[in-house]
Amino acid sequence: MSIGGYKIRNKEEIHFITFAVVEWIDVFTRKQYRDILLESIRYCQNEKGLILYAWCIMSNHVHLMAAAKDNNLSDILRDFKKFTSKQIIAAIQKNEQESRKEWMLSIFKQQGEKNSRNTGYQFWRQDNQPKECYSPEFSGQKLNYIHNNPVEAGIVEKPEDYLYSSARSYHQNKQALLEIEFL
């Protein structure tokens, strides 16, 4: 699933997963591209058995705490990344208002050429670094990390004020943009 020894070994457990855009490009500053991620996560929840416990979309990376009904989290994430990379690159190509279009596409193309498993563009970095949530303490630590990411980045003062996160569900009992299972 990923290089460097990071693999989902215990497929029955919840995992903390981070994946980032190549070269840490701030793609998700645009709502259009964030919406592609949200729609794709919803599809994975409804059609592929993704169980989402926490999430946060930042400007250039995504955090999830997730599992899968049929213990196929690796497959779901692989398909999710493949689909979203194609959709987001196509959206960038079609976006007449995208001021960073040529610059971003150039980097995605360069990164794709460096990867022998790729035939064109590469959008996501290869290193997902899934970490098994092996204890309630570790899970709580990762949950807080996910929800405090926008606070640490200076985007909001309180985690629950960030729209693109599950913090609203946990802190305010409000429905966030994605459905979650509570830890």
Protein backbone atom coordinates (compact mmCIF):
# COMPACT_ATOMS: atom_id res chain seq x y z
CA MET A 1 0.00 0.00 0.00
CA SER A 2 2.75 2.45 0.80
CA ILE A 3 6.50 2.63 0.76
CA GLY A 4 8.82 2.71 3.71
CA GLY A 5 7.19 -0.09 5.69
CA TYR A 6 3.92 1.69 6.44
CA LYS A 7 1.21 -0.87 5.83
CA ILE A 8 -2.18 -1.73 7.22
CA ARG A 9 -1.38 -4.98 8.94
CA ASN A 10 -4.27 -5.49 11.38
CA LYS A 11 -7.12 -4.94 8.96
CA GLU A 12 -9.81 -5.20 11.64
CA GLU A 13 -8.63 -2.13 13.55
CA ILE A 14 -9.22 1.58 13.15
CA HIS A 15 -6.29 3.40 11.56
CA PHE A 16 -5.06 6.97 11.61
CA ILE A 17 -4.12 7.86 8.04
CA THR A 18 -2.58 10.96 6.55
CA PHE A 19 -2.11 11.53 2.86
CA ALA A 20 -0.74 14.63 1.23
CA VAL A 21 -0.56 16.25 -2.17
CA VAL A 22 2.84 15.93 -3.88
CA GLU A 23 5.21 18.76 -2.99
CA TRP A 24 2.60 19.80 -0.41
CA ILE A 25 0.78 21.97 -2.97
CA ASP A 26 -2.15 23.86 -1.43
CA VAL A 27 -4.81 22.46 -3.75
CA PHE A 28 -7.62 22.36 -1.21
CA THR A 29 -7.80 26.10 -0.77
CA ARG A 30 -10.47 25.87 -3.47
CA LYS A 31 -13.94 24.60 -2.51
CA GLN A 32 -14.35 22.84 -5.85
CA TYR A 33 -11.46 20.48 -5.10
CA ARG A 34 -12.49 19.90 -1.48
CA ASP A 35 -15.96 18.97 -2.72
CA ILE A 36 -14.46 16.23 -4.90
CA LEU A 37 -12.88 14.74 -1.78
CA LEU A 38 -16.12 14.97 0.21
CA GLU A 39 -18.17 13.34 -2.55
CA SER A 40 -15.61 10.57 -2.93
CA ILE A 41 -15.51 9.86 0.81
CA ARG A 42 -19.31 9.70 0.88
CA TYR A 43 -19.24 7.26 -2.02
CA CYS A 44 -16.69 5.09 -0.21
CA GLN A 45 -18.87 5.14 2.90
CA ASN A 46 -22.06 4.24 1.06
CA GLU A 47 -20.73 1.83 -1.55
CA LYS A 48 -17.41 0.43 -0.33
CA GLY A 49 -17.88 0.04 3.41
CA LEU A 50 -15.62 2.83 4.66
CA ILE A 51 -16.26 3.55 8.33
CA LEU A 52 -15.15 7.06 9.22
CA TYR A 53 -14.44 8.01 12.84
CA ALA A 54 -12.72 11.36 12.33
CA TRP A 55 -11.49 13.45 9.43
CA CYS A 56 -10.04 16.80 8.45
CA ILE A 57 -9.24 18.31 5.07
CA MET A 58 -6.40 20.83 5.22
CA SER A 59 -5.03 22.90 2.34
CA ASN A 60 -2.59 20.20 1.16
CA HIS A 61 -3.33 17.04 3.12
CA VAL A 62 -6.10 14.91 4.60
CA HIS A 63 -6.34 13.13 7.94
CA LEU A 64 -8.69 10.22 8.54
CA MET A 65 -9.42 7.81 11.34
CA ALA A 66 -11.09 4.97 9.52
CA ALA A 67 -11.78 1.27 9.20
CA ALA A 68 -13.66 -0.87 6.69
CA LYS A 69 -16.62 -3.19 7.09
CA ASP A 70 -14.99 -5.98 5.11
CA ASN A 71 -11.45 -5.26 6.35
CA ASN A 72 -10.49 -3.85 2.97
CA LEU A 73 -9.30 -0.39 4.06
CA SER A 74 -6.16 -0.63 1.91
CA ASP A 75 -8.26 -1.29 -1.19
CA ILE A 76 -10.67 1.54 -0.39
CA LEU A 77 -7.85 4.03 0.14
CA ARG A 78 -6.07 2.92 -3.03
CA ASP A 79 -9.24 3.37 -5.09
CA PHE A 80 -10.08 6.65 -3.36
CA LYS A 81 -6.68 8.13 -4.09
CA LYS A 82 -6.68 6.91 -7.69
CA PHE A 83 -10.17 8.28 -8.37
CA THR A 84 -9.70 11.63 -6.60
CA SER A 85 -6.35 12.26 -8.25
CA LYS A 86 -7.91 11.89 -11.70
CA GLN A 87 -10.97 13.95 -10.80
CA ILE A 88 -9.02 16.79 -9.20
CA ILE A 89 -6.48 17.00 -12.01
CA ALA A 90 -9.31 17.07 -14.56
CA ALA A 91 -11.05 19.80 -12.54
CA ILE A 92 -7.84 21.85 -12.46
CA GLN A 93 -7.42 21.41 -16.22
CA LYS A 94 -11.00 22.58 -16.89
CA ASN A 95 -10.98 25.44 -14.39
CA GLU A 96 -10.64 28.66 -16.40
CA GLN A 97 -10.31 30.68 -13.18
CA GLU A 98 -7.47 28.58 -11.74
CA SER A 99 -4.55 31.03 -11.58
CA ARG A 100 -2.13 28.28 -10.53
CA LYS A 101 -3.15 25.79 -13.23
CA GLU A 102 0.05 25.61 -15.29
CA TRP A 103 2.29 25.60 -12.21
CA MET A 104 0.35 22.80 -10.47
CA LEU A 105 0.00 20.64 -13.57
CA SER A 106 3.70 21.00 -14.26
CA ILE A 107 4.58 19.72 -10.80
CA PHE A 108 2.06 16.86 -11.01
CA LYS A 109 3.54 15.90 -14.39
CA GLN A 110 7.13 16.02 -13.09
CA GLN A 111 6.20 13.87 -10.10
CA GLY A 112 4.39 11.41 -12.37
CA GLU A 113 7.45 11.05 -14.57
CA LYS A 114 9.58 10.19 -11.52
CA ASN A 115 7.26 7.33 -10.53
CA SER A 116 7.61 4.12 -12.54
CA ARG A 117 4.10 3.05 -11.42
CA ASN A 118 2.61 6.12 -13.04
CA THR A 119 1.90 6.96 -16.68
CA GLY A 120 1.00 10.63 -16.34
CA TYR A 121 0.36 12.92 -13.46
CA GLN A 122 0.89 12.10 -9.81
CA PHE A 123 -1.33 13.98 -7.38
CA TRP A 124 -0.97 12.18 -4.03
CA ARG A 125 2.29 11.38 -2.28
CA GLN A 126 2.99 7.65 -1.90
CA ASP A 127 3.49 7.67 1.87
CA ASN A 128 0.14 7.33 3.66
CA GLN A 129 1.72 6.30 6.96
CA PRO A 130 -1.28 4.42 8.38
CA LYS A 131 -1.02 3.94 12.13
CA GLU A 132 -3.13 1.40 13.97
CA CYS A 133 -5.19 2.88 16.77
CA TYR A 134 -4.08 0.24 19.26
CA SER A 135 -5.39 1.86 22.46
CA PRO A 136 -8.00 4.37 23.64
CA GLU A 137 -5.18 6.74 24.63
CA PHE A 138 -3.55 6.61 21.19
CA SER A 139 -6.93 7.02 19.50
CA GLY A 140 -7.72 10.04 21.68
CA GLN A 141 -4.35 11.57 20.89
CA LYS A 142 -4.90 11.18 17.13
CA LEU A 143 -8.48 12.47 17.38
CA ASN A 144 -7.24 15.61 19.13
CA TYR A 145 -4.42 15.99 16.62
CA ILE A 146 -6.86 15.81 13.70
CA HIS A 147 -9.29 18.29 15.21
CA ASN A 148 -6.60 20.73 16.37
CA ASN A 149 -4.82 20.80 13.02
CA PRO A 150 -6.77 23.86 11.75
CA VAL A 151 -6.21 25.60 15.10
CA GLU A 152 -2.46 24.97 14.95
CA ALA A 153 -2.44 26.26 11.37
CA GLY A 154 -4.08 29.50 12.53
CA ILE A 155 -7.22 29.00 10.46
CA VAL A 156 -9.69 28.94 13.38
CA GLU A 157 -9.58 29.54 17.12
CA LYS A 158 -11.64 26.49 18.10
CA PRO A 159 -11.64 23.08 16.37
CA GLU A 160 -15.43 23.04 16.06
CA ASP A 161 -15.35 26.23 13.98
CA TYR A 162 -13.59 24.50 11.09
CA LEU A 163 -16.12 23.35 8.51
CA TYR A 164 -13.95 20.67 6.86
CA SER A 165 -13.52 18.47 9.92
CA SER A 166 -15.41 16.09 12.17
CA ALA A 167 -14.76 18.36 15.17
CA ARG A 168 -18.23 19.89 14.83
CA SER A 169 -19.77 16.47 15.38
CA TYR A 170 -17.61 15.71 18.41
CA HIS A 171 -17.75 19.14 20.07
CA GLN A 172 -21.19 20.46 19.21
CA ASN A 173 -23.18 17.35 18.36
CA LYS A 174 -23.86 18.97 14.99
CA GLN A 175 -23.91 17.08 11.75
CA ALA A 176 -20.69 17.85 9.92
CA LEU A 177 -20.22 17.57 6.17
CA LEU A 178 -19.54 13.81 6.50
CA GLU A 179 -21.21 11.20 8.65
CA ILE A 180 -19.04 9.58 11.28
CA GLU A 181 -19.12 6.84 13.86
CA PHE A 182 -18.08 8.15 17.27
CA LEU A 183 -15.08 6.56 18.97
